[in-house]
Amino acid sequence: MAMTSPSQYGNGDSTSRFCIYCTDQTGKLKARNEIRAGMIEYTMKLENWPRERAKYEVDRLLAGLPAWPAEVGRLSRTQL
């Protein structure tokens, strides 16, 4: 997520590279699979997309984030 206020940063720390949805209560980055699962569910509801489409789009989004930039190169569309 694009962070525009301190409350959106992990642990409220505006120097964090990660948002509140990607971090635990201490500001530590959550596991990728935990973040991915939550984002897939959220995206399915928000966009009214089937699971496979949501998985594909979430994986594309995660690949552009600082924690997982190399992930997209290792995933084929059939794995998503």
Protein backbone atom coordinates (compact mmCIF):
# COMPACT_ATOMS: atom_id res chain seq x y z
CA MET A 1 0.00 0.00 0.00
CA ALA A 2 1.13 3.54 -0.59
CA MET A 3 1.77 4.93 2.88
CA THR A 4 0.73 8.53 3.33
CA SER A 5 0.48 8.86 7.12
CA PRO A 6 2.53 7.49 10.05
CA SER A 7 -0.35 5.24 11.14
CA GLN A 8 -0.03 3.26 7.88
CA TYR A 9 3.58 2.26 8.48
CA GLY A 10 4.46 -0.96 10.27
CA ASN A 11 4.40 -0.35 14.02
CA GLY A 12 3.65 3.34 13.33
CA ASP A 13 7.30 3.88 12.42
CA SER A 14 7.50 6.19 9.42
CA THR A 15 11.01 4.91 8.64
CA SER A 16 9.67 1.36 8.07
CA ARG A 17 9.65 0.06 4.51
CA PHE A 18 6.52 -1.97 5.21
CA CYS A 19 2.86 -1.14 5.86
CA ILE A 20 0.65 -2.15 8.78
CA TYR A 21 -0.89 -5.00 6.77
CA CYS A 22 2.49 -6.59 6.05
CA THR A 23 3.88 -6.36 9.58
CA ASP A 24 3.01 -7.78 12.98
CA GLN A 25 2.39 -5.67 16.08
CA THR A 26 6.11 -5.17 16.63
CA GLY A 27 6.73 -3.96 13.06
CA LYS A 28 8.36 -7.23 11.93
CA LEU A 29 7.52 -8.36 8.39
CA LYS A 30 4.95 -11.18 8.32
CA ALA A 31 5.54 -14.34 6.31
CA ARG A 32 4.88 -13.91 2.60
CA ASN A 33 2.29 -16.71 2.54
CA GLU A 34 0.32 -15.05 5.37
CA ILE A 35 0.27 -11.70 3.59
CA ARG A 36 -0.56 -13.34 0.26
CA ALA A 37 -3.51 -15.30 1.68
CA GLY A 38 -5.03 -12.19 3.24
CA MET A 39 -4.56 -10.16 0.10
CA ILE A 40 -6.15 -12.85 -2.06
CA GLU A 41 -9.25 -12.97 0.13
CA TYR A 42 -9.48 -9.17 0.25
CA THR A 43 -9.02 -8.83 -3.52
CA MET A 44 -11.65 -11.48 -4.28
CA LYS A 45 -14.19 -9.55 -2.21
CA LEU A 46 -13.17 -6.08 -3.37
CA GLU A 47 -12.99 -6.85 -7.09
CA ASN A 48 -15.48 -9.73 -7.17
CA TRP A 49 -12.85 -11.85 -8.93
CA PRO A 50 -12.53 -15.63 -8.90
CA ARG A 51 -9.71 -17.02 -6.73
CA GLU A 52 -7.36 -17.77 -9.64
CA ARG A 53 -7.56 -14.21 -10.99
CA ALA A 54 -7.04 -12.77 -7.49
CA LYS A 55 -4.01 -15.04 -6.94
CA TYR A 56 -2.48 -13.93 -10.22
CA GLU A 57 -2.98 -10.23 -9.53
CA VAL A 58 -1.80 -10.44 -5.90
CA ASP A 59 1.36 -12.27 -6.94
CA ARG A 60 2.08 -9.59 -9.53
CA LEU A 61 1.58 -6.91 -6.88
CA LEU A 62 3.75 -8.67 -4.28
CA ALA A 63 6.56 -9.01 -6.80
CA GLY A 64 6.72 -5.22 -7.02
CA LEU A 65 7.07 -4.72 -3.28
CA PRO A 66 10.48 -4.35 -1.61
CA ALA A 67 10.34 -7.65 0.30
CA TRP A 68 9.77 -9.96 -2.70
CA PRO A 69 10.98 -8.43 -5.98
CA ALA A 70 12.43 -11.69 -7.34
CA GLU A 71 9.33 -13.80 -6.74
CA VAL A 72 7.50 -13.05 -9.98
CA GLY A 73 10.31 -14.40 -12.13
CA ARG A 74 10.01 -17.80 -10.47
CA LEU A 75 6.24 -18.13 -10.85
CA SER A 76 4.42 -19.20 -13.97
CA ARG A 77 0.80 -18.32 -14.56
CA THR A 78 -0.16 -21.96 -13.83
CA GLN A 79 1.46 -21.74 -10.38
CA LEU A 80 -0.50 -18.62 -9.56
